[in-house]
Amino acid sequence: MADYAGKLVLVVNTASHCGFTPQYAGLEALYKKYAAQGLVVLGFPCNQFGKQEPGSADDIAQTCHIHYGVSFPMFEKVEVNGPGTHPLFRYLKAELPGVLGGRIKWNFTKFLIGRDGKPLKRFAPIATPEKMEATLLAALES
């Protein structure tokens, strides 16, 4: 995360075959609109929910780019729950527990991290990028 010091970071666990997958387009729109002001969106594919991210890294990248024009950074597949949880998600869940306590409920759970590196807000999968925009803008302006 040191590469993103001083940036407002939106971390998202993603999947290419999920009912929330169209959120990629909204996430990309936010990224393009606010990147110059310091917003970075980071996508972390995850296959833990309904096996909705079965593809290879190349398959995922191709789907994201061709269908949704994704240009924000996409990482290798991670686990967000259980013993194999990626350290970033372990930290974010501890700092911002959700309705299920420390567990992530589903794909497209989002975590907003402030410019100082501290987690600010957790958004449920149903929170569309458009509905998050006011919160992002307020954090960018603070």
N, C-alpha and C. Protein backbone atom coordinates (compact mmCIF):
# COMPACT_ATOMS: atom_id res chain seq x y z
N MET A 1 0.82 -1.20 0.00
CA MET A 1 0.00 0.00 0.00
C MET A 1 0.86 1.26 0.00
N ALA A 2 2.15 1.11 0.22
CA ALA A 2 3.04 2.28 0.24
C ALA A 2 3.00 3.02 -1.10
N ASP A 3 2.73 2.30 -2.18
CA ASP A 3 2.64 2.93 -3.50
C ASP A 3 1.49 3.93 -3.58
N TYR A 4 0.55 3.84 -2.66
CA TYR A 4 -0.64 4.68 -2.71
C TYR A 4 -0.70 5.68 -1.57
N ALA A 5 0.44 5.92 -0.93
CA ALA A 5 0.51 6.90 0.17
C ALA A 5 0.05 8.26 -0.33
N GLY A 6 -0.79 8.92 0.46
CA GLY A 6 -1.30 10.23 0.09
C GLY A 6 -2.50 10.19 -0.84
N LYS A 7 -2.92 9.01 -1.23
CA LYS A 7 -4.08 8.85 -2.12
C LYS A 7 -5.30 8.41 -1.31
N LEU A 8 -6.46 8.69 -1.84
CA LEU A 8 -7.71 8.14 -1.31
C LEU A 8 -7.91 6.83 -2.05
N VAL A 9 -7.96 5.72 -1.33
CA VAL A 9 -7.97 4.40 -1.96
C VAL A 9 -9.30 3.69 -1.70
N LEU A 10 -9.88 3.17 -2.77
CA LEU A 10 -11.09 2.36 -2.66
C LEU A 10 -10.70 0.93 -3.02
N VAL A 11 -10.74 0.04 -2.03
CA VAL A 11 -10.39 -1.37 -2.21
C VAL A 11 -11.69 -2.15 -2.39
N VAL A 12 -11.73 -2.98 -3.45
CA VAL A 12 -12.95 -3.73 -3.77
C VAL A 12 -12.61 -5.19 -4.05
N ASN A 13 -13.33 -6.12 -3.41
CA ASN A 13 -13.19 -7.52 -3.81
C ASN A 13 -14.17 -7.75 -4.95
N THR A 14 -13.67 -8.24 -6.06
CA THR A 14 -14.45 -8.29 -7.29
C THR A 14 -14.68 -9.73 -7.77
N ALA A 15 -15.59 -9.85 -8.73
CA ALA A 15 -15.85 -11.12 -9.41
C ALA A 15 -16.47 -10.83 -10.77
N SER A 16 -16.10 -11.61 -11.76
CA SER A 16 -16.54 -11.37 -13.13
C SER A 16 -17.89 -11.98 -13.48
N HIS A 17 -18.39 -12.88 -12.65
CA HIS A 17 -19.66 -13.57 -12.95
C HIS A 17 -20.63 -13.43 -11.78
N CYS A 18 -20.87 -12.20 -11.39
CA CYS A 18 -21.67 -11.89 -10.21
C CYS A 18 -22.75 -10.90 -10.61
N GLY A 19 -23.84 -10.90 -9.89
CA GLY A 19 -24.89 -9.92 -10.15
C GLY A 19 -24.41 -8.48 -9.97
N PHE A 20 -23.35 -8.30 -9.18
CA PHE A 20 -22.81 -6.95 -8.96
C PHE A 20 -21.70 -6.59 -9.94
N THR A 21 -21.33 -7.50 -10.83
CA THR A 21 -20.24 -7.26 -11.77
C THR A 21 -20.41 -5.97 -12.57
N PRO A 22 -21.63 -5.57 -12.96
CA PRO A 22 -21.77 -4.30 -13.68
C PRO A 22 -21.26 -3.08 -12.90
N GLN A 23 -21.02 -3.24 -11.58
CA GLN A 23 -20.45 -2.13 -10.82
C GLN A 23 -19.06 -1.76 -11.33
N TYR A 24 -18.40 -2.65 -12.06
CA TYR A 24 -17.10 -2.29 -12.65
C TYR A 24 -17.21 -0.99 -13.43
N ALA A 25 -18.28 -0.82 -14.19
CA ALA A 25 -18.43 0.39 -15.01
C ALA A 25 -18.50 1.63 -14.13
N GLY A 26 -19.26 1.58 -13.05
CA GLY A 26 -19.36 2.72 -12.15
C GLY A 26 -18.06 2.99 -11.41
N LEU A 27 -17.35 1.93 -11.03
CA LEU A 27 -16.05 2.10 -10.37
C LEU A 27 -15.06 2.76 -11.32
N GLU A 28 -15.08 2.33 -12.57
CA GLU A 28 -14.20 2.93 -13.58
C GLU A 28 -14.55 4.40 -13.79
N ALA A 29 -15.84 4.72 -13.82
CA ALA A 29 -16.26 6.12 -13.99
C ALA A 29 -15.76 6.98 -12.84
N LEU A 30 -15.87 6.49 -11.61
CA LEU A 30 -15.35 7.24 -10.46
C LEU A 30 -13.84 7.41 -10.56
N TYR A 31 -13.16 6.35 -10.94
CA TYR A 31 -11.70 6.38 -11.06
C TYR A 31 -11.28 7.45 -12.08
N LYS A 32 -11.91 7.43 -13.24
CA LYS A 32 -11.56 8.42 -14.27
C LYS A 32 -11.89 9.84 -13.82
N LYS A 33 -13.02 10.00 -13.17
CA LYS A 33 -13.48 11.33 -12.77
C LYS A 33 -12.60 11.95 -11.69
N TYR A 34 -12.12 11.12 -10.74
CA TYR A 34 -11.43 11.66 -9.57
C TYR A 34 -9.96 11.26 -9.44
N ALA A 35 -9.41 10.56 -10.39
CA ALA A 35 -8.00 10.14 -10.30
C ALA A 35 -7.07 11.34 -10.17
N ALA A 36 -7.35 12.40 -10.90
CA ALA A 36 -6.49 13.59 -10.85
C ALA A 36 -6.51 14.24 -9.47
N GLN A 37 -7.59 14.00 -8.71
CA GLN A 37 -7.70 14.55 -7.36
C GLN A 37 -7.13 13.59 -6.31
N GLY A 38 -6.69 12.41 -6.74
CA GLY A 38 -6.05 11.49 -5.81
C GLY A 38 -6.78 10.21 -5.51
N LEU A 39 -7.88 9.91 -6.22
CA LEU A 39 -8.59 8.65 -5.97
C LEU A 39 -7.93 7.51 -6.74
N VAL A 40 -7.76 6.39 -6.07
CA VAL A 40 -7.29 5.17 -6.70
C VAL A 40 -8.28 4.07 -6.35
N VAL A 41 -8.70 3.31 -7.34
CA VAL A 41 -9.56 2.14 -7.13
C VAL A 41 -8.67 0.92 -7.32
N LEU A 42 -8.72 -0.02 -6.39
CA LEU A 42 -7.94 -1.25 -6.48
C LEU A 42 -8.87 -2.44 -6.46
N GLY A 43 -8.82 -3.24 -7.51
CA GLY A 43 -9.67 -4.42 -7.62
C GLY A 43 -8.92 -5.68 -7.22
N PHE A 44 -9.54 -6.47 -6.35
CA PHE A 44 -8.97 -7.73 -5.89
C PHE A 44 -9.95 -8.85 -6.20
N PRO A 45 -9.76 -9.56 -7.31
CA PRO A 45 -10.66 -10.67 -7.64
C PRO A 45 -10.67 -11.73 -6.54
N CYS A 46 -11.85 -12.32 -6.34
CA CYS A 46 -12.03 -13.33 -5.29
C CYS A 46 -13.01 -14.39 -5.79
N ASN A 47 -12.68 -15.64 -5.56
CA ASN A 47 -13.52 -16.75 -6.02
C ASN A 47 -14.22 -17.45 -4.85
N GLN A 48 -14.31 -16.79 -3.71
CA GLN A 48 -14.87 -17.43 -2.51
C GLN A 48 -16.39 -17.39 -2.43
N PHE A 49 -17.03 -16.58 -3.23
CA PHE A 49 -18.48 -16.42 -3.14
C PHE A 49 -19.13 -16.98 -4.39
N GLY A 50 -19.69 -18.16 -4.29
CA GLY A 50 -20.38 -18.77 -5.42
C GLY A 50 -19.48 -19.11 -6.59
N LYS A 51 -18.18 -19.19 -6.35
CA LYS A 51 -17.22 -19.51 -7.43
C LYS A 51 -17.44 -18.61 -8.64
N GLN A 52 -17.65 -17.31 -8.38
CA GLN A 52 -18.00 -16.36 -9.44
C GLN A 52 -16.78 -15.68 -10.08
N GLU A 53 -15.58 -16.14 -9.70
CA GLU A 53 -14.36 -15.63 -10.33
C GLU A 53 -13.43 -16.79 -10.63
N PRO A 54 -13.84 -17.68 -11.55
CA PRO A 54 -13.06 -18.89 -11.81
C PRO A 54 -11.86 -18.69 -12.74
N GLY A 55 -11.81 -17.60 -13.46
CA GLY A 55 -10.81 -17.42 -14.50
C GLY A 55 -9.40 -17.15 -14.01
N SER A 56 -8.48 -17.21 -14.97
CA SER A 56 -7.08 -16.86 -14.70
C SER A 56 -6.96 -15.34 -14.63
N ALA A 57 -5.80 -14.87 -14.23
CA ALA A 57 -5.56 -13.42 -14.17
C ALA A 57 -5.77 -12.79 -15.54
N ASP A 58 -5.33 -13.47 -16.61
CA ASP A 58 -5.52 -12.94 -17.96
C ASP A 58 -6.99 -12.90 -18.35
N ASP A 59 -7.74 -13.95 -18.01
CA ASP A 59 -9.18 -13.98 -18.30
C ASP A 59 -9.90 -12.82 -17.59
N ILE A 60 -9.54 -12.62 -16.33
CA ILE A 60 -10.16 -11.57 -15.54
C ILE A 60 -9.85 -10.20 -16.14
N ALA A 61 -8.58 -9.97 -16.45
CA ALA A 61 -8.17 -8.69 -17.03
C ALA A 61 -8.89 -8.43 -18.34
N GLN A 62 -9.01 -9.45 -19.17
CA GLN A 62 -9.68 -9.30 -20.46
C GLN A 62 -11.16 -8.97 -20.27
N THR A 63 -11.83 -9.69 -19.39
CA THR A 63 -13.25 -9.42 -19.11
C THR A 63 -13.44 -8.00 -18.62
N CYS A 64 -12.62 -7.59 -17.67
CA CYS A 64 -12.75 -6.24 -17.10
C CYS A 64 -12.52 -5.16 -18.15
N HIS A 65 -11.51 -5.36 -18.97
CA HIS A 65 -11.19 -4.33 -19.96
C HIS A 65 -12.20 -4.31 -21.12
N ILE A 66 -12.50 -5.46 -21.67
CA ILE A 66 -13.39 -5.51 -22.84
C ILE A 66 -14.82 -5.11 -22.49
N HIS A 67 -15.35 -5.64 -21.40
CA HIS A 67 -16.76 -5.41 -21.08
C HIS A 67 -17.02 -4.13 -20.30
N TYR A 68 -16.02 -3.68 -19.52
CA TYR A 68 -16.27 -2.53 -18.64
C TYR A 68 -15.24 -1.42 -18.78
N GLY A 69 -14.25 -1.58 -19.63
CA GLY A 69 -13.25 -0.54 -19.85
C GLY A 69 -12.37 -0.27 -18.64
N VAL A 70 -12.22 -1.26 -17.76
CA VAL A 70 -11.47 -1.06 -16.52
C VAL A 70 -10.01 -0.72 -16.81
N SER A 71 -9.58 0.40 -16.24
CA SER A 71 -8.18 0.81 -16.35
C SER A 71 -7.52 0.94 -14.98
N PHE A 72 -8.32 0.81 -13.90
CA PHE A 72 -7.73 0.89 -12.57
C PHE A 72 -6.99 -0.42 -12.26
N PRO A 73 -6.06 -0.40 -11.30
CA PRO A 73 -5.26 -1.59 -11.01
C PRO A 73 -6.09 -2.78 -10.53
N MET A 74 -5.83 -3.91 -11.15
CA MET A 74 -6.43 -5.18 -10.75
C MET A 74 -5.31 -6.10 -10.29
N PHE A 75 -5.52 -6.78 -9.19
CA PHE A 75 -4.50 -7.63 -8.60
C PHE A 75 -4.82 -9.10 -8.83
N GLU A 76 -3.92 -9.96 -8.38
CA GLU A 76 -4.15 -11.41 -8.45
C GLU A 76 -5.32 -11.77 -7.54
N LYS A 77 -5.90 -12.93 -7.78
CA LYS A 77 -7.00 -13.41 -6.93
C LYS A 77 -6.54 -13.54 -5.49
N VAL A 78 -7.44 -13.18 -4.58
CA VAL A 78 -7.15 -13.26 -3.15
C VAL A 78 -8.31 -13.96 -2.44
N GLU A 79 -8.06 -14.35 -1.21
CA GLU A 79 -9.12 -14.80 -0.31
C GLU A 79 -9.38 -13.66 0.66
N VAL A 80 -10.66 -13.43 0.95
CA VAL A 80 -11.03 -12.32 1.84
C VAL A 80 -11.60 -12.80 3.17
N ASN A 81 -11.85 -14.10 3.28
CA ASN A 81 -12.34 -14.72 4.52
C ASN A 81 -11.57 -16.01 4.75
N GLY A 82 -11.56 -16.45 6.00
CA GLY A 82 -10.94 -17.73 6.32
C GLY A 82 -9.45 -17.64 6.59
N PRO A 83 -8.82 -18.81 6.77
CA PRO A 83 -7.41 -18.84 7.16
C PRO A 83 -6.46 -18.27 6.10
N GLY A 84 -6.86 -18.27 4.84
CA GLY A 84 -6.00 -17.75 3.77
C GLY A 84 -6.25 -16.30 3.44
N THR A 85 -6.94 -15.58 4.32
CA THR A 85 -7.27 -14.18 4.05
C THR A 85 -6.03 -13.35 3.76
N HIS A 86 -6.10 -12.57 2.70
CA HIS A 86 -5.02 -11.65 2.34
C HIS A 86 -4.83 -10.66 3.49
N PRO A 87 -3.58 -10.32 3.84
CA PRO A 87 -3.33 -9.41 4.96
C PRO A 87 -4.06 -8.06 4.87
N LEU A 88 -4.20 -7.51 3.67
CA LEU A 88 -4.90 -6.24 3.53
C LEU A 88 -6.35 -6.38 3.99
N PHE A 89 -7.01 -7.45 3.56
CA PHE A 89 -8.40 -7.65 3.95
C PHE A 89 -8.53 -8.03 5.42
N ARG A 90 -7.56 -8.72 5.96
CA ARG A 90 -7.57 -9.02 7.40
C ARG A 90 -7.56 -7.70 8.18
N TYR A 91 -6.69 -6.79 7.77
CA TYR A 91 -6.58 -5.48 8.43
C TYR A 91 -7.87 -4.66 8.27
N LEU A 92 -8.37 -4.58 7.05
CA LEU A 92 -9.56 -3.77 6.79
C LEU A 92 -10.77 -4.30 7.56
N LYS A 93 -10.95 -5.59 7.61
CA LYS A 93 -12.08 -6.18 8.34
C LYS A 93 -11.97 -5.93 9.84
N ALA A 94 -10.75 -5.95 10.36
CA ALA A 94 -10.55 -5.68 11.79
C ALA A 94 -10.87 -4.23 12.12
N GLU A 95 -10.50 -3.32 11.23
CA GLU A 95 -10.72 -1.90 11.45
C GLU A 95 -12.17 -1.48 11.20
N LEU A 96 -12.80 -2.11 10.22
CA LEU A 96 -14.17 -1.75 9.84
C LEU A 96 -15.04 -3.01 9.74
N PRO A 97 -15.38 -3.61 10.89
CA PRO A 97 -16.22 -4.81 10.82
C PRO A 97 -17.60 -4.46 10.27
N GLY A 98 -18.17 -5.39 9.55
CA GLY A 98 -19.49 -5.16 8.97
C GLY A 98 -20.58 -5.82 9.78
N VAL A 99 -21.72 -6.01 9.15
CA VAL A 99 -22.88 -6.62 9.79
C VAL A 99 -22.56 -8.04 10.26
N LEU A 100 -21.71 -8.74 9.51
CA LEU A 100 -21.34 -10.11 9.87
C LEU A 100 -20.09 -10.15 10.75
N GLY A 101 -19.81 -9.06 11.43
CA GLY A 101 -18.60 -8.99 12.24
C GLY A 101 -17.40 -8.79 11.34
N GLY A 102 -16.44 -9.69 11.44
CA GLY A 102 -15.24 -9.54 10.64
C GLY A 102 -15.32 -10.12 9.25
N ARG A 103 -16.37 -10.83 8.93
CA ARG A 103 -16.46 -11.48 7.62
C ARG A 103 -16.95 -10.53 6.53
N ILE A 104 -16.48 -10.80 5.33
CA ILE A 104 -17.01 -10.10 4.16
C ILE A 104 -18.19 -10.92 3.66
N LYS A 105 -19.28 -10.24 3.39
CA LYS A 105 -20.55 -10.87 3.05
C LYS A 105 -20.57 -11.43 1.62
N TRP A 106 -20.02 -10.67 0.65
CA TRP A 106 -20.14 -11.07 -0.75
C TRP A 106 -19.17 -10.26 -1.59
N ASN A 107 -19.18 -10.56 -2.89
CA ASN A 107 -18.36 -9.80 -3.83
C ASN A 107 -18.77 -8.33 -3.84
N PHE A 108 -17.84 -7.49 -4.18
CA PHE A 108 -18.04 -6.04 -4.30
C PHE A 108 -18.31 -5.34 -2.97
N THR A 109 -17.76 -5.91 -1.89
CA THR A 109 -17.66 -5.15 -0.64
C THR A 109 -16.53 -4.16 -0.86
N LYS A 110 -16.72 -2.93 -0.40
CA LYS A 110 -15.75 -1.87 -0.69
C LYS A 110 -15.26 -1.23 0.61
N PHE A 111 -13.98 -0.89 0.63
CA PHE A 111 -13.37 -0.22 1.78
C PHE A 111 -12.71 1.06 1.29
N LEU A 112 -13.03 2.16 1.93
CA LEU A 112 -12.42 3.45 1.60
C LEU A 112 -11.32 3.73 2.61
N ILE A 113 -10.13 3.99 2.11
CA ILE A 113 -8.96 4.27 2.95
C ILE A 113 -8.54 5.71 2.70
N GLY A 114 -8.38 6.47 3.78
CA GLY A 114 -8.02 7.88 3.68
C GLY A 114 -6.59 8.10 3.20
N ARG A 115 -6.31 9.34 2.89
CA ARG A 115 -4.97 9.71 2.41
C ARG A 115 -3.89 9.41 3.46
N ASP A 116 -4.30 9.34 4.72
CA ASP A 116 -3.37 9.03 5.81
C ASP A 116 -3.19 7.53 6.02
N GLY A 117 -3.85 6.72 5.20
CA GLY A 117 -3.73 5.27 5.30
C GLY A 117 -4.70 4.62 6.27
N LYS A 118 -5.56 5.41 6.89
CA LYS A 118 -6.51 4.86 7.86
C LYS A 118 -7.85 4.54 7.18
N PRO A 119 -8.40 3.37 7.46
CA PRO A 119 -9.70 3.02 6.89
C PRO A 119 -10.79 3.99 7.36
N LEU A 120 -11.59 4.46 6.42
CA LEU A 120 -12.64 5.44 6.71
C LEU A 120 -14.04 4.86 6.73
N LYS A 121 -14.34 4.01 5.74
CA LYS A 121 -15.72 3.55 5.60
C LYS A 121 -15.74 2.22 4.86
N ARG A 122 -16.72 1.41 5.23
CA ARG A 122 -16.97 0.14 4.56
C ARG A 122 -18.32 0.25 3.87
N PHE A 123 -18.38 -0.19 2.62
CA PHE A 123 -19.63 -0.16 1.85
C PHE A 123 -20.05 -1.59 1.53
N ALA A 124 -21.33 -1.87 1.70
CA ALA A 124 -21.88 -3.19 1.38
C ALA A 124 -21.87 -3.42 -0.13
N PRO A 125 -21.95 -4.68 -0.55
CA PRO A 125 -21.98 -4.97 -1.98
C PRO A 125 -23.08 -4.24 -2.74
N ILE A 126 -24.22 -4.01 -2.10
CA ILE A 126 -25.33 -3.35 -2.80
C ILE A 126 -25.10 -1.85 -2.98
N ALA A 127 -24.11 -1.28 -2.31
CA ALA A 127 -23.82 0.15 -2.46
C ALA A 127 -23.18 0.36 -3.83
N THR A 128 -23.91 1.01 -4.70
CA THR A 128 -23.38 1.25 -6.04
C THR A 128 -22.34 2.36 -6.00
N PRO A 129 -21.42 2.36 -6.96
CA PRO A 129 -20.44 3.44 -7.01
C PRO A 129 -21.10 4.82 -7.06
N GLU A 130 -22.21 4.93 -7.75
CA GLU A 130 -22.90 6.21 -7.85
C GLU A 130 -23.38 6.69 -6.47
N LYS A 131 -23.85 5.77 -5.65
CA LYS A 131 -24.33 6.14 -4.31
C LYS A 131 -23.17 6.46 -3.36
N MET A 132 -21.97 6.03 -3.70
CA MET A 132 -20.80 6.29 -2.86
C MET A 132 -20.12 7.61 -3.22
N GLU A 133 -20.48 8.20 -4.33
CA GLU A 133 -19.75 9.35 -4.86
C GLU A 133 -19.67 10.52 -3.88
N ALA A 134 -20.76 10.85 -3.20
CA ALA A 134 -20.74 11.99 -2.27
C ALA A 134 -19.74 11.75 -1.13
N THR A 135 -19.69 10.52 -0.63
CA THR A 135 -18.73 10.18 0.43
C THR A 135 -17.30 10.29 -0.08
N LEU A 136 -17.06 9.81 -1.29
CA LEU A 136 -15.72 9.90 -1.88
C LEU A 136 -15.31 11.35 -2.08
N LEU A 137 -16.23 12.14 -2.59
CA LEU A 137 -15.93 13.55 -2.85
C LEU A 137 -15.62 14.28 -1.55
N ALA A 138 -16.39 14.02 -0.50
CA ALA A 138 -16.13 14.65 0.80
C ALA A 138 -14.75 14.27 1.32
N ALA A 139 -14.37 13.00 1.16
CA ALA A 139 -13.05 12.55 1.61
C ALA A 139 -11.93 13.17 0.78
N LEU A 140 -12.17 13.34 -0.51
CA LEU A 140 -11.17 13.98 -1.37
C LEU A 140 -10.95 15.44 -1.00
N GLU A 141 -12.03 16.09 -0.58
CA GLU A 141 -11.96 17.52 -0.27
C GLU A 141 -11.49 17.81 1.15
N SER A 142 -11.45 16.78 2.01
CA SER A 142 -11.06 17.03 3.40
C SER A 142 -9.55 17.06 3.58
